[in-house]
N, C-alpha and C. Protein backbone atom coordinates (compact mmCIF):
# COMPACT_ATOMS: atom_id res chain seq x y z
N UNK A 1 -85.64 67.94 -147.30
CA UNK A 1 -86.79 67.07 -147.34
C UNK A 1 -86.54 65.88 -146.40
N UNK A 2 -87.46 65.63 -145.46
CA UNK A 2 -87.26 64.51 -144.53
C UNK A 2 -87.32 63.18 -145.26
N UNK A 3 -86.53 62.24 -144.76
CA UNK A 3 -86.53 60.90 -145.36
C UNK A 3 -87.86 60.21 -145.07
N UNK A 4 -88.34 59.46 -146.06
CA UNK A 4 -89.58 58.70 -145.86
C UNK A 4 -89.31 57.51 -144.94
N UNK A 5 -90.28 57.23 -144.09
CA UNK A 5 -90.17 56.05 -143.24
C UNK A 5 -90.34 54.80 -144.10
N UNK A 6 -89.68 53.72 -143.72
CA UNK A 6 -89.95 52.46 -144.41
C UNK A 6 -91.42 52.10 -144.26
N UNK A 7 -91.97 51.42 -145.23
CA UNK A 7 -93.41 51.10 -145.22
C UNK A 7 -93.81 50.41 -143.93
N UNK A 8 -92.97 49.50 -143.44
CA UNK A 8 -93.36 48.75 -142.24
C UNK A 8 -93.36 49.61 -140.97
N UNK A 9 -92.91 50.86 -141.05
CA UNK A 9 -92.94 51.76 -139.90
C UNK A 9 -93.99 52.87 -140.07
N UNK A 10 -94.70 52.87 -141.18
CA UNK A 10 -95.72 53.88 -141.43
C UNK A 10 -97.06 53.34 -140.93
N UNK A 11 -97.50 53.81 -139.78
CA UNK A 11 -98.70 53.28 -139.12
C UNK A 11 -99.94 53.44 -140.00
N UNK A 12 -100.03 54.52 -140.76
CA UNK A 12 -101.20 54.72 -141.60
C UNK A 12 -101.24 53.70 -142.73
N UNK A 13 -100.09 53.39 -143.29
CA UNK A 13 -100.00 52.36 -144.33
C UNK A 13 -100.41 51.01 -143.75
N UNK A 14 -99.87 50.68 -142.57
CA UNK A 14 -100.20 49.40 -141.95
C UNK A 14 -101.68 49.29 -141.64
N UNK A 15 -102.28 50.36 -141.15
CA UNK A 15 -103.72 50.33 -140.86
C UNK A 15 -104.52 50.15 -142.14
N UNK A 16 -104.09 50.78 -143.22
CA UNK A 16 -104.76 50.60 -144.51
C UNK A 16 -104.68 49.16 -144.98
N UNK A 17 -103.51 48.55 -144.82
CA UNK A 17 -103.34 47.16 -145.19
C UNK A 17 -104.24 46.26 -144.34
N UNK A 18 -104.28 46.50 -143.05
CA UNK A 18 -105.11 45.70 -142.15
C UNK A 18 -106.58 45.86 -142.49
N UNK A 19 -107.02 47.09 -142.73
CA UNK A 19 -108.42 47.33 -143.10
C UNK A 19 -108.79 46.59 -144.37
N UNK A 20 -107.92 46.65 -145.36
CA UNK A 20 -108.18 45.97 -146.63
C UNK A 20 -108.23 44.46 -146.46
N UNK A 21 -107.27 43.90 -145.72
CA UNK A 21 -107.26 42.47 -145.48
C UNK A 21 -108.49 42.01 -144.69
N UNK A 22 -108.90 42.82 -143.74
CA UNK A 22 -110.08 42.48 -142.96
C UNK A 22 -111.31 42.37 -143.86
N UNK A 23 -111.46 43.30 -144.79
CA UNK A 23 -112.61 43.25 -145.68
C UNK A 23 -112.54 42.05 -146.61
N UNK A 24 -111.35 41.69 -147.05
CA UNK A 24 -111.21 40.51 -147.90
C UNK A 24 -111.52 39.23 -147.13
N UNK A 25 -111.12 39.16 -145.86
CA UNK A 25 -111.44 38.00 -145.03
C UNK A 25 -112.95 37.87 -144.87
N UNK A 26 -113.62 38.98 -144.61
CA UNK A 26 -115.08 38.94 -144.45
C UNK A 26 -115.76 38.54 -145.76
N UNK A 27 -115.26 39.04 -146.87
CA UNK A 27 -115.83 38.67 -148.17
C UNK A 27 -115.66 37.18 -148.42
N UNK A 28 -114.48 36.66 -148.13
CA UNK A 28 -114.22 35.24 -148.31
C UNK A 28 -115.13 34.40 -147.40
N UNK A 29 -115.25 34.83 -146.17
CA UNK A 29 -116.08 34.09 -145.22
C UNK A 29 -117.54 34.07 -145.66
N UNK A 30 -118.03 35.19 -146.18
CA UNK A 30 -119.43 35.23 -146.59
C UNK A 30 -119.70 34.35 -147.80
N UNK A 31 -118.67 34.04 -148.57
CA UNK A 31 -118.82 33.18 -149.74
C UNK A 31 -118.66 31.70 -149.42
N UNK A 32 -118.05 31.38 -148.31
CA UNK A 32 -117.70 29.99 -148.05
C UNK A 32 -118.42 29.34 -146.88
N UNK A 33 -118.81 30.11 -145.88
CA UNK A 33 -119.48 29.53 -144.71
C UNK A 33 -120.60 30.44 -144.24
N UNK A 34 -121.46 29.86 -143.46
CA UNK A 34 -122.53 30.62 -142.81
C UNK A 34 -121.90 31.64 -141.86
N UNK A 35 -122.44 32.85 -141.81
CA UNK A 35 -121.85 33.91 -141.00
C UNK A 35 -121.82 33.54 -139.51
N UNK A 36 -122.83 32.83 -139.02
CA UNK A 36 -122.81 32.42 -137.61
C UNK A 36 -121.68 31.44 -137.34
N UNK A 37 -121.45 30.52 -138.28
CA UNK A 37 -120.36 29.56 -138.16
C UNK A 37 -119.01 30.30 -138.17
N UNK A 38 -118.88 31.27 -139.06
CA UNK A 38 -117.66 32.07 -139.14
C UNK A 38 -117.43 32.82 -137.83
N UNK A 39 -118.49 33.42 -137.29
CA UNK A 39 -118.37 34.16 -136.04
C UNK A 39 -117.94 33.24 -134.89
N UNK A 40 -118.57 32.08 -134.78
CA UNK A 40 -118.24 31.15 -133.71
C UNK A 40 -116.78 30.68 -133.81
N UNK A 41 -116.36 30.33 -135.01
CA UNK A 41 -114.99 29.85 -135.21
C UNK A 41 -113.99 30.98 -134.94
N UNK A 42 -114.32 32.19 -135.40
CA UNK A 42 -113.44 33.34 -135.17
C UNK A 42 -113.27 33.65 -133.69
N UNK A 43 -114.38 33.65 -132.96
CA UNK A 43 -114.31 33.91 -131.52
C UNK A 43 -113.50 32.84 -130.80
N UNK A 44 -113.70 31.60 -131.20
CA UNK A 44 -112.95 30.49 -130.59
C UNK A 44 -111.44 30.67 -130.82
N UNK A 45 -111.07 31.04 -132.06
CA UNK A 45 -109.65 31.22 -132.37
C UNK A 45 -109.06 32.42 -131.64
N UNK A 46 -109.83 33.51 -131.54
CA UNK A 46 -109.33 34.69 -130.81
C UNK A 46 -109.14 34.37 -129.33
N UNK A 47 -110.07 33.63 -128.74
CA UNK A 47 -109.95 33.25 -127.33
C UNK A 47 -108.74 32.34 -127.10
N UNK A 48 -108.49 31.41 -128.02
CA UNK A 48 -107.33 30.53 -127.91
C UNK A 48 -106.04 31.33 -127.99
N UNK A 49 -105.99 32.26 -128.94
CA UNK A 49 -104.80 33.10 -129.07
C UNK A 49 -104.59 33.95 -127.83
N UNK A 50 -105.66 34.54 -127.32
CA UNK A 50 -105.55 35.37 -126.13
C UNK A 50 -105.03 34.55 -124.94
N UNK A 51 -105.55 33.34 -124.78
CA UNK A 51 -105.09 32.48 -123.69
C UNK A 51 -103.61 32.14 -123.82
N UNK A 52 -103.18 31.85 -125.04
CA UNK A 52 -101.77 31.53 -125.27
C UNK A 52 -100.88 32.73 -124.98
N UNK A 53 -101.32 33.92 -125.39
CA UNK A 53 -100.53 35.12 -125.14
C UNK A 53 -100.46 35.47 -123.66
N UNK A 54 -101.56 35.26 -122.96
CA UNK A 54 -101.57 35.56 -121.53
C UNK A 54 -100.72 34.58 -120.73
N UNK A 55 -100.50 33.39 -121.27
CA UNK A 55 -99.70 32.37 -120.59
C UNK A 55 -98.20 32.62 -120.71
N UNK A 56 -97.82 33.56 -121.55
CA UNK A 56 -96.40 33.88 -121.71
C UNK A 56 -96.19 35.38 -121.51
N UNK A 57 -94.96 35.78 -121.44
CA UNK A 57 -94.64 37.20 -121.29
C UNK A 57 -94.92 37.90 -122.62
N UNK A 58 -96.02 38.61 -122.68
CA UNK A 58 -96.45 39.26 -123.92
C UNK A 58 -96.52 40.77 -123.69
N UNK A 59 -95.97 41.55 -124.61
CA UNK A 59 -96.05 43.01 -124.46
C UNK A 59 -97.51 43.48 -124.43
N UNK A 60 -97.76 44.47 -123.62
CA UNK A 60 -99.11 45.02 -123.46
C UNK A 60 -99.68 45.51 -124.79
N UNK A 61 -98.84 46.10 -125.63
CA UNK A 61 -99.31 46.60 -126.93
C UNK A 61 -99.86 45.47 -127.80
N UNK A 62 -99.25 44.30 -127.71
CA UNK A 62 -99.74 43.17 -128.50
C UNK A 62 -101.12 42.73 -128.00
N UNK A 63 -101.31 42.71 -126.70
CA UNK A 63 -102.61 42.36 -126.13
C UNK A 63 -103.66 43.41 -126.48
N UNK A 64 -103.25 44.66 -126.49
CA UNK A 64 -104.17 45.74 -126.88
C UNK A 64 -104.57 45.59 -128.34
N UNK A 65 -103.61 45.26 -129.18
CA UNK A 65 -103.91 45.03 -130.60
C UNK A 65 -104.91 43.90 -130.78
N UNK A 66 -104.73 42.83 -130.03
CA UNK A 66 -105.66 41.71 -130.10
C UNK A 66 -107.05 42.13 -129.61
N UNK A 67 -107.11 42.91 -128.56
CA UNK A 67 -108.41 43.40 -128.06
C UNK A 67 -109.11 44.25 -129.11
N UNK A 68 -108.35 45.07 -129.83
CA UNK A 68 -108.95 45.89 -130.89
C UNK A 68 -109.48 45.03 -132.03
N UNK A 69 -108.76 43.96 -132.36
CA UNK A 69 -109.24 43.05 -133.40
C UNK A 69 -110.54 42.39 -132.96
N UNK A 70 -110.60 42.01 -131.69
CA UNK A 70 -111.83 41.39 -131.19
C UNK A 70 -113.00 42.37 -131.23
N UNK A 71 -112.76 43.61 -130.87
CA UNK A 71 -113.81 44.63 -130.94
C UNK A 71 -114.28 44.81 -132.38
N UNK A 72 -113.33 44.87 -133.31
CA UNK A 72 -113.69 44.99 -134.72
C UNK A 72 -114.50 43.78 -135.17
N UNK A 73 -114.05 42.58 -134.80
CA UNK A 73 -114.72 41.35 -135.20
C UNK A 73 -116.15 41.32 -134.67
N UNK A 74 -116.33 41.70 -133.42
CA UNK A 74 -117.68 41.75 -132.85
C UNK A 74 -118.58 42.69 -133.64
N UNK A 75 -118.05 43.85 -134.01
CA UNK A 75 -118.85 44.82 -134.75
C UNK A 75 -119.11 44.37 -136.20
N UNK A 76 -118.14 43.69 -136.80
CA UNK A 76 -118.25 43.29 -138.21
C UNK A 76 -119.14 42.08 -138.40
N UNK A 77 -119.24 41.23 -137.39
CA UNK A 77 -120.03 40.00 -137.55
C UNK A 77 -121.27 40.07 -136.71
């Protein structure tokens, strides 16, 4: 029987955790602020993070991950 991967190396587990956290963030946002305000603040924070990452030596996979989050955020809001 093959050894199980540690949880932090199981991509399907990590994606499930991310999906769940994303839904909780959206639920929290819908209860606390106007959705347009949430969208504007989220986009501003993503752009700031992207700028900071581009200003330093950042692995391409990390930038790709950030781009996927932005795509998700655009679709979700």
